N, C-alpha and C. Protein backbone atom coordinates (compact mmCIF):
# COMPACT_ATOMS: atom_id res chain seq x y z
N MET A 1 22.37 14.28 19.01
CA MET A 1 21.31 13.75 19.86
C MET A 1 19.98 14.25 19.33
N ASN A 2 19.02 13.36 19.26
CA ASN A 2 17.65 13.73 18.88
C ASN A 2 16.75 13.51 20.09
N LEU A 3 16.07 14.55 20.49
CA LEU A 3 15.13 14.47 21.60
C LEU A 3 13.78 14.93 21.10
N ILE A 4 12.80 14.02 21.14
CA ILE A 4 11.46 14.34 20.66
C ILE A 4 10.60 14.71 21.87
N ASP A 5 10.20 15.94 21.95
CA ASP A 5 9.36 16.42 23.04
C ASP A 5 7.93 15.94 22.80
N ALA A 6 7.26 15.49 23.84
CA ALA A 6 5.90 14.97 23.71
C ALA A 6 4.96 15.97 23.05
N SER A 7 5.15 17.24 23.32
CA SER A 7 4.24 18.26 22.77
C SER A 7 4.43 18.44 21.26
N SER A 8 5.57 18.02 20.72
CA SER A 8 5.79 18.16 19.27
C SER A 8 5.59 16.84 18.52
N ALA A 9 5.24 15.77 19.23
CA ALA A 9 5.03 14.48 18.59
C ALA A 9 3.77 14.51 17.73
N LYS A 10 3.86 13.91 16.55
CA LYS A 10 2.72 13.86 15.63
C LYS A 10 1.75 12.78 16.09
N VAL A 11 0.44 13.08 16.02
CA VAL A 11 -0.60 12.15 16.49
C VAL A 11 -1.42 11.67 15.29
N PHE A 12 -1.69 10.36 15.26
CA PHE A 12 -2.46 9.72 14.19
C PHE A 12 -3.59 8.92 14.83
N THR A 13 -4.70 8.77 14.12
CA THR A 13 -5.81 7.95 14.59
C THR A 13 -6.17 6.95 13.51
N MET A 14 -6.34 5.69 13.92
CA MET A 14 -6.72 4.62 13.00
C MET A 14 -7.32 3.47 13.78
N HIS A 15 -8.41 2.90 13.28
CA HIS A 15 -9.04 1.71 13.88
C HIS A 15 -9.28 1.88 15.38
N GLU A 16 -9.86 3.00 15.77
CA GLU A 16 -10.21 3.24 17.19
C GLU A 16 -8.98 3.38 18.09
N ALA A 17 -7.80 3.61 17.52
CA ALA A 17 -6.58 3.76 18.32
C ALA A 17 -5.93 5.10 18.00
N ILE A 18 -5.20 5.62 18.99
CA ILE A 18 -4.43 6.85 18.83
C ILE A 18 -2.96 6.47 18.88
N PHE A 19 -2.20 6.93 17.89
CA PHE A 19 -0.78 6.64 17.79
C PHE A 19 -0.01 7.95 17.89
N THR A 20 0.87 8.07 18.87
CA THR A 20 1.69 9.26 19.03
C THR A 20 3.11 8.90 18.60
N GLY A 21 3.51 9.42 17.44
CA GLY A 21 4.82 9.08 16.87
C GLY A 21 5.95 9.67 17.68
N LEU A 22 6.92 8.83 17.99
CA LEU A 22 8.10 9.28 18.71
C LEU A 22 9.33 9.14 17.80
N ALA A 23 10.03 8.03 17.87
CA ALA A 23 11.21 7.82 17.03
C ALA A 23 10.80 7.27 15.67
N SER A 24 11.40 7.82 14.60
CA SER A 24 11.19 7.34 13.24
C SER A 24 12.24 8.01 12.36
N PRO A 25 12.41 7.55 11.13
CA PRO A 25 13.41 8.19 10.27
C PRO A 25 13.22 9.70 10.09
N SER A 26 11.97 10.15 10.00
CA SER A 26 11.75 11.60 9.83
C SER A 26 12.07 12.38 11.10
N ARG A 27 12.23 11.67 12.21
CA ARG A 27 12.56 12.31 13.48
C ARG A 27 13.95 11.89 13.98
N GLY A 28 14.78 11.31 13.07
CA GLY A 28 16.19 11.06 13.41
C GLY A 28 16.58 9.62 13.70
N SER A 29 15.65 8.70 13.75
CA SER A 29 15.97 7.30 14.02
C SER A 29 16.41 6.61 12.73
N GLN A 30 17.38 5.75 12.82
CA GLN A 30 17.89 5.03 11.65
C GLN A 30 17.34 3.61 11.55
N GLU A 31 17.13 2.92 12.66
CA GLU A 31 16.82 1.50 12.62
C GLU A 31 15.46 1.10 13.19
N ASN A 32 14.94 1.87 14.12
CA ASN A 32 13.67 1.51 14.77
C ASN A 32 12.74 2.70 14.86
N SER A 33 11.47 2.39 14.82
CA SER A 33 10.44 3.40 15.09
C SER A 33 9.80 3.06 16.43
N ALA A 34 9.40 4.08 17.15
CA ALA A 34 8.74 3.88 18.45
C ALA A 34 7.60 4.89 18.56
N TRP A 35 6.52 4.46 19.18
CA TRP A 35 5.36 5.33 19.36
C TRP A 35 4.58 4.88 20.57
N ILE A 36 3.65 5.71 20.99
CA ILE A 36 2.72 5.34 22.05
C ILE A 36 1.39 5.03 21.39
N VAL A 37 0.84 3.88 21.70
CA VAL A 37 -0.49 3.51 21.21
C VAL A 37 -1.44 3.61 22.39
N GLU A 38 -2.61 4.21 22.16
CA GLU A 38 -3.61 4.35 23.21
C GLU A 38 -4.96 3.84 22.69
N LEU A 39 -5.57 2.98 23.49
CA LEU A 39 -6.90 2.46 23.18
C LEU A 39 -7.86 2.98 24.23
N SER A 40 -8.91 3.70 23.78
CA SER A 40 -9.90 4.21 24.72
C SER A 40 -11.25 3.53 24.52
N SER A 41 -11.43 2.88 23.39
CA SER A 41 -12.69 2.22 23.07
C SER A 41 -12.65 0.75 23.51
N ASN A 42 -13.78 0.24 23.90
CA ASN A 42 -13.86 -1.18 24.24
C ASN A 42 -14.22 -2.05 23.04
N LYS A 43 -14.21 -1.47 21.84
CA LYS A 43 -14.47 -2.24 20.63
C LYS A 43 -13.30 -3.18 20.37
N PRO A 44 -13.56 -4.34 19.76
CA PRO A 44 -12.46 -5.27 19.45
C PRO A 44 -11.43 -4.60 18.54
N GLY A 45 -10.16 -4.90 18.80
CA GLY A 45 -9.08 -4.34 18.00
C GLY A 45 -9.03 -4.97 16.61
N ALA A 46 -8.44 -4.24 15.67
CA ALA A 46 -8.30 -4.73 14.29
C ALA A 46 -7.30 -5.88 14.24
N ILE A 47 -7.67 -6.95 13.56
CA ILE A 47 -6.75 -8.07 13.36
C ILE A 47 -5.79 -7.67 12.25
N HIS A 48 -4.50 -7.81 12.54
CA HIS A 48 -3.47 -7.44 11.57
C HIS A 48 -2.17 -8.18 11.88
N GLU A 49 -1.20 -8.02 11.01
CA GLU A 49 0.13 -8.56 11.24
C GLU A 49 1.15 -7.56 10.70
N LEU A 50 2.39 -7.74 11.07
CA LEU A 50 3.47 -6.89 10.60
C LEU A 50 4.52 -7.76 9.93
N THR A 51 5.28 -7.16 9.02
CA THR A 51 6.30 -7.92 8.30
C THR A 51 7.59 -8.06 9.11
N ARG A 52 7.65 -7.40 10.26
CA ARG A 52 8.80 -7.51 11.17
C ARG A 52 8.27 -7.67 12.59
N GLU A 53 9.13 -8.13 13.48
CA GLU A 53 8.76 -8.30 14.89
C GLU A 53 8.37 -6.95 15.49
N GLU A 54 7.29 -6.95 16.28
CA GLU A 54 6.83 -5.75 16.98
C GLU A 54 6.84 -6.00 18.48
N ILE A 55 7.23 -4.99 19.23
CA ILE A 55 7.32 -5.11 20.69
C ILE A 55 6.42 -4.05 21.32
N PHE A 56 5.65 -4.45 22.32
CA PHE A 56 4.79 -3.55 23.09
C PHE A 56 5.21 -3.60 24.55
N ILE A 57 5.35 -2.44 25.18
CA ILE A 57 5.60 -2.34 26.61
C ILE A 57 4.44 -1.56 27.20
N CYS A 58 3.61 -2.24 27.97
CA CYS A 58 2.39 -1.63 28.50
C CYS A 58 2.73 -0.64 29.62
N LEU A 59 2.15 0.56 29.50
CA LEU A 59 2.34 1.62 30.50
C LEU A 59 1.16 1.74 31.45
N ALA A 60 -0.05 1.52 30.93
CA ALA A 60 -1.27 1.71 31.75
C ALA A 60 -2.41 0.90 31.15
N GLY A 61 -3.36 0.56 32.00
CA GLY A 61 -4.54 -0.17 31.55
C GLY A 61 -4.25 -1.63 31.26
N THR A 62 -5.24 -2.30 30.70
CA THR A 62 -5.13 -3.72 30.34
C THR A 62 -5.78 -3.92 28.99
N ALA A 63 -5.16 -4.78 28.19
CA ALA A 63 -5.73 -5.15 26.89
C ALA A 63 -5.60 -6.66 26.75
N THR A 64 -6.55 -7.25 26.03
CA THR A 64 -6.46 -8.65 25.69
C THR A 64 -5.75 -8.76 24.34
N VAL A 65 -4.75 -9.60 24.30
CA VAL A 65 -4.02 -9.87 23.08
C VAL A 65 -4.58 -11.17 22.52
N ARG A 66 -4.96 -11.13 21.25
CA ARG A 66 -5.47 -12.33 20.61
C ARG A 66 -4.52 -12.71 19.48
N MET A 67 -3.97 -13.92 19.56
CA MET A 67 -3.12 -14.48 18.50
C MET A 67 -3.67 -15.86 18.20
N GLY A 68 -4.36 -16.00 17.09
CA GLY A 68 -4.99 -17.28 16.77
C GLY A 68 -6.01 -17.62 17.84
N GLU A 69 -5.91 -18.81 18.40
CA GLU A 69 -6.83 -19.25 19.45
C GLU A 69 -6.38 -18.82 20.84
N GLU A 70 -5.19 -18.25 20.95
CA GLU A 70 -4.64 -17.86 22.25
C GLU A 70 -5.07 -16.44 22.61
N HIS A 71 -5.51 -16.25 23.85
CA HIS A 71 -5.91 -14.94 24.39
C HIS A 71 -5.15 -14.73 25.69
N ARG A 72 -4.45 -13.59 25.81
CA ARG A 72 -3.70 -13.28 27.03
C ARG A 72 -3.93 -11.82 27.37
N ASP A 73 -3.83 -11.49 28.66
CA ASP A 73 -3.96 -10.10 29.10
C ASP A 73 -2.59 -9.45 29.16
N LEU A 74 -2.53 -8.21 28.70
CA LEU A 74 -1.33 -7.40 28.75
C LEU A 74 -1.64 -6.21 29.64
N SER A 75 -0.89 -6.07 30.73
CA SER A 75 -1.16 -4.97 31.67
C SER A 75 0.14 -4.25 32.01
N ALA A 76 0.01 -3.13 32.74
CA ALA A 76 1.14 -2.25 33.02
C ALA A 76 2.36 -3.02 33.51
N GLY A 77 3.48 -2.72 32.87
CA GLY A 77 4.76 -3.34 33.22
C GLY A 77 5.09 -4.56 32.39
N ALA A 78 4.12 -5.10 31.67
CA ALA A 78 4.35 -6.32 30.88
C ALA A 78 4.84 -5.95 29.48
N CYS A 79 5.54 -6.90 28.87
CA CYS A 79 6.08 -6.72 27.53
C CYS A 79 5.55 -7.83 26.63
N LEU A 80 5.07 -7.46 25.46
CA LEU A 80 4.57 -8.41 24.47
C LEU A 80 5.48 -8.35 23.25
N ILE A 81 5.93 -9.51 22.79
CA ILE A 81 6.73 -9.61 21.58
C ILE A 81 5.91 -10.37 20.56
N VAL A 82 5.59 -9.70 19.44
CA VAL A 82 4.77 -10.30 18.39
C VAL A 82 5.70 -10.68 17.24
N PRO A 83 5.83 -11.97 16.94
CA PRO A 83 6.70 -12.37 15.82
C PRO A 83 6.18 -11.82 14.49
N ALA A 84 7.07 -11.63 13.55
CA ALA A 84 6.70 -11.19 12.21
C ALA A 84 5.70 -12.17 11.60
N HIS A 85 4.79 -11.65 10.78
CA HIS A 85 3.80 -12.45 10.04
C HIS A 85 2.91 -13.29 10.95
N THR A 86 2.56 -12.71 12.12
CA THR A 86 1.65 -13.37 13.06
C THR A 86 0.43 -12.49 13.23
N GLN A 87 -0.74 -12.98 12.86
CA GLN A 87 -1.95 -12.18 13.03
C GLN A 87 -2.28 -12.03 14.51
N PHE A 88 -2.64 -10.81 14.89
CA PHE A 88 -3.00 -10.54 16.29
C PHE A 88 -3.90 -9.32 16.36
N SER A 89 -4.49 -9.12 17.53
CA SER A 89 -5.24 -7.90 17.82
C SER A 89 -5.07 -7.56 19.29
N LEU A 90 -5.25 -6.30 19.61
CA LEU A 90 -5.24 -5.78 20.98
C LEU A 90 -6.60 -5.14 21.23
N SER A 91 -7.25 -5.50 22.32
CA SER A 91 -8.54 -4.92 22.68
C SER A 91 -8.51 -4.50 24.14
N LYS A 92 -8.86 -3.24 24.39
CA LYS A 92 -8.87 -2.71 25.76
C LYS A 92 -9.91 -3.44 26.60
N THR A 93 -9.52 -3.83 27.80
CA THR A 93 -10.45 -4.54 28.69
C THR A 93 -10.57 -3.87 30.05
N SER A 94 -9.82 -2.83 30.31
CA SER A 94 -9.90 -2.16 31.61
C SER A 94 -10.72 -0.88 31.48
N GLU A 95 -11.14 -0.34 32.62
CA GLU A 95 -11.85 0.94 32.60
C GLU A 95 -10.92 2.06 32.14
N GLU A 96 -9.68 2.01 32.59
CA GLU A 96 -8.73 3.04 32.19
C GLU A 96 -8.20 2.74 30.78
N ASN A 97 -7.81 3.79 30.07
CA ASN A 97 -7.28 3.59 28.72
C ASN A 97 -6.04 2.71 28.75
N PHE A 98 -5.90 1.91 27.72
CA PHE A 98 -4.70 1.10 27.55
C PHE A 98 -3.67 1.97 26.84
N ARG A 99 -2.45 2.03 27.39
CA ARG A 99 -1.35 2.78 26.78
C ARG A 99 -0.11 1.91 26.78
N ALA A 100 0.58 1.91 25.64
CA ALA A 100 1.81 1.13 25.53
C ALA A 100 2.78 1.83 24.59
N VAL A 101 4.06 1.60 24.82
CA VAL A 101 5.09 1.99 23.86
C VAL A 101 5.24 0.83 22.90
N ALA A 102 5.25 1.12 21.61
CA ALA A 102 5.45 0.08 20.59
C ALA A 102 6.73 0.38 19.83
N ILE A 103 7.44 -0.69 19.47
CA ILE A 103 8.71 -0.56 18.76
C ILE A 103 8.68 -1.50 17.56
N LEU A 104 9.08 -0.97 16.40
CA LEU A 104 9.04 -1.73 15.16
C LEU A 104 10.22 -1.30 14.29
N PRO A 105 10.94 -2.25 13.68
CA PRO A 105 12.05 -1.86 12.80
C PRO A 105 11.57 -0.99 11.63
N VAL A 106 12.40 -0.04 11.24
CA VAL A 106 12.11 0.83 10.11
C VAL A 106 11.88 -0.02 8.86
N GLY A 107 10.88 0.38 8.07
CA GLY A 107 10.59 -0.31 6.81
C GLY A 107 9.56 -1.41 6.91
N ALA A 108 9.12 -1.73 8.11
CA ALA A 108 8.11 -2.78 8.28
C ALA A 108 6.78 -2.32 7.70
N GLU A 109 6.01 -3.29 7.23
CA GLU A 109 4.67 -3.00 6.71
C GLU A 109 3.63 -3.70 7.55
N ALA A 110 2.45 -3.10 7.63
CA ALA A 110 1.30 -3.72 8.29
C ALA A 110 0.46 -4.40 7.22
N ILE A 111 -0.15 -5.52 7.59
CA ILE A 111 -1.04 -6.25 6.70
C ILE A 111 -2.35 -6.46 7.45
N LEU A 112 -3.42 -5.85 6.93
CA LEU A 112 -4.73 -6.00 7.56
C LEU A 112 -5.33 -7.36 7.22
N GLU A 113 -6.36 -7.72 7.96
CA GLU A 113 -7.00 -9.03 7.77
C GLU A 113 -7.50 -9.22 6.34
N ASN A 114 -7.88 -8.13 5.67
CA ASN A 114 -8.38 -8.22 4.30
C ASN A 114 -7.26 -8.26 3.25
N GLY A 115 -6.00 -8.26 3.71
CA GLY A 115 -4.85 -8.33 2.82
C GLY A 115 -4.25 -6.99 2.43
N GLN A 116 -4.93 -5.89 2.78
CA GLN A 116 -4.40 -4.56 2.48
C GLN A 116 -3.09 -4.34 3.22
N THR A 117 -2.06 -3.84 2.53
CA THR A 117 -0.77 -3.56 3.17
C THR A 117 -0.51 -2.06 3.15
N PHE A 118 0.21 -1.59 4.16
CA PHE A 118 0.61 -0.19 4.22
C PHE A 118 1.76 -0.04 5.21
N VAL A 119 2.50 1.02 5.05
CA VAL A 119 3.54 1.37 6.04
C VAL A 119 2.86 2.33 7.03
N PRO A 120 2.81 1.95 8.30
CA PRO A 120 2.16 2.84 9.27
C PRO A 120 2.80 4.25 9.24
N PRO A 121 2.01 5.29 9.05
CA PRO A 121 2.58 6.63 8.91
C PRO A 121 3.35 7.11 10.13
N TRP A 122 3.04 6.60 11.31
CA TRP A 122 3.75 7.02 12.53
C TRP A 122 5.15 6.40 12.57
N THR A 123 5.48 5.49 11.64
CA THR A 123 6.82 4.88 11.61
C THR A 123 7.73 5.55 10.59
N LEU A 124 7.21 6.55 9.87
CA LEU A 124 7.99 7.19 8.80
C LEU A 124 8.77 8.40 9.29
């Protein structure tokens, strides 16, 4: 059994977001990575896509999800499923910070709007 205590979780910051790594191969997961993403800034989120499906489960706050011309609100208790190779962004729209659990298969890569690719370090 692998139990990751919140106090020992590694924290990363990128594009005005805080990522708290939970499950990943370096922490004992074989197939999926999971983390908490927190948005505290009201700046627009970075447009990006992933090479695998990504799932968000909102814990607190509200964010606008932008996928192409479609804009939807994601708030506490809601689940967002982003298909692979779909450009999207998340932008906080509530006074309280937006917090969500995100889940992504191991080995997935992020692709920024400018074409830069990388493996998110919180998934390793």
